[in-house]
C-alpha cells in the first residue's frame, strides 16, 4: 500500500514554461500597478476589529480612500 505523504513533506519545484513581458497596453505588472487601479478594480482584505459594525467600517474605508461606492460581502463579524 502506498504511503500518503503530508503536504509539508512533499518536495515541490517551480516550473516556468515561458518568460513573457506584459504589454503596457493591456495592463501593469502587479508591483508596478498604480494604487488607484487597485482601488478601482480591487478588493480590500480587511481584518475588522471587534466593536464597530461592518457598515461603520465600510463607511470609514469610503471616507479614508475618498470612494463614492464601497461594500462588504457577508458579515465582517468575528
Protein backbone atom coordinates (compact mmCIF):
# COMPACT_ATOMS: atom_id res chain seq x y z
CA UNK A 1 0.00 0.00 0.00
CA UNK A 2 1.33 3.44 -0.99
CA UNK A 3 2.09 5.84 1.86
CA UNK A 4 0.18 9.14 1.70
CA UNK A 5 2.55 11.99 2.43
CA UNK A 6 1.61 15.09 4.40
CA UNK A 7 1.59 18.29 2.32
CA UNK A 8 4.66 19.69 4.13
CA UNK A 9 6.64 16.52 3.36
CA UNK A 10 6.20 16.84 -0.41
CA UNK A 11 9.15 18.43 -2.16
CA UNK A 12 7.94 20.92 -4.76
CA UNK A 13 9.70 22.82 -7.51
CA UNK A 14 8.64 25.78 -9.63
CA UNK A 15 8.24 25.05 -13.33
CA UNK A 16 8.38 28.08 -15.64
CA UNK A 17 7.30 27.24 -19.19
CA UNK A 18 7.93 30.69 -20.68
CA UNK A 19 9.03 34.14 -19.58
CA UNK A 20 6.98 36.92 -21.14
CA UNK A 21 6.76 40.68 -20.80
CA UNK A 22 3.48 42.42 -20.06
CA UNK A 23 2.37 44.69 -22.86
CA UNK A 24 1.60 48.09 -21.23
CA UNK A 25 -1.49 48.44 -23.46
CA UNK A 26 -3.10 45.52 -21.60
CA UNK A 27 -2.29 46.39 -18.01
CA UNK A 28 0.52 46.58 -15.47
CA UNK A 29 2.84 44.24 -13.67
CA UNK A 30 1.41 43.75 -10.16
CA UNK A 31 4.28 45.57 -8.43
CA UNK A 32 4.08 48.49 -10.89
CA UNK A 33 0.27 48.89 -10.86
CA UNK A 34 -0.90 52.33 -9.67
CA UNK A 35 -2.68 52.33 -6.30
CA UNK A 36 -5.77 53.93 -7.87
CA UNK A 37 -6.27 50.86 -10.10
CA UNK A 38 -6.18 48.53 -7.09
CA UNK A 39 -8.91 50.64 -5.51
CA UNK A 40 -10.97 50.90 -8.71
CA UNK A 41 -10.81 47.23 -9.66
CA UNK A 42 -9.75 45.52 -6.46
CA UNK A 43 -10.80 44.03 -3.18
CA UNK A 44 -9.57 45.10 0.23
CA UNK A 45 -8.93 42.21 2.60
CA UNK A 46 -9.71 43.77 5.98
CA UNK A 47 -9.32 42.30 9.46
CA UNK A 48 -12.12 44.15 11.24
CA UNK A 49 -11.55 44.81 14.94
CA UNK A 50 -14.22 43.92 17.47
CA UNK A 51 -16.60 46.78 18.25
CA UNK A 52 -17.58 48.75 15.16
CA UNK A 53 -20.22 47.33 12.84
CA UNK A 54 -19.50 46.16 9.31
CA UNK A 55 -21.36 49.19 7.98
CA UNK A 56 -19.25 51.57 10.09
CA UNK A 57 -16.01 50.06 8.82
CA UNK A 58 -17.26 50.28 5.23
CA UNK A 59 -18.06 53.96 5.78
CA UNK A 60 -14.56 54.54 7.20
CA UNK A 61 -12.96 52.87 4.17
CA UNK A 62 -15.04 55.06 1.83
CA UNK A 63 -14.03 58.21 3.70
CA UNK A 64 -10.32 57.33 4.06
CA UNK A 65 -9.94 56.37 0.39
CA UNK A 66 -12.32 59.04 -0.97
CA UNK A 67 -14.58 56.46 -2.63
CA UNK A 68 -18.11 57.01 -3.87
CA UNK A 69 -19.04 53.36 -3.51
CA UNK A 70 -17.87 50.52 -1.30
CA UNK A 71 -19.50 47.49 0.23
CA UNK A 72 -18.83 44.31 2.10
CA UNK A 73 -19.62 40.72 1.25
CA UNK A 74 -21.43 38.94 4.02
CA UNK A 75 -20.54 39.73 7.57
CA UNK A 76 -17.30 41.19 8.85
CA UNK A 77 -18.01 39.96 12.37
CA UNK A 78 -15.62 37.59 14.14
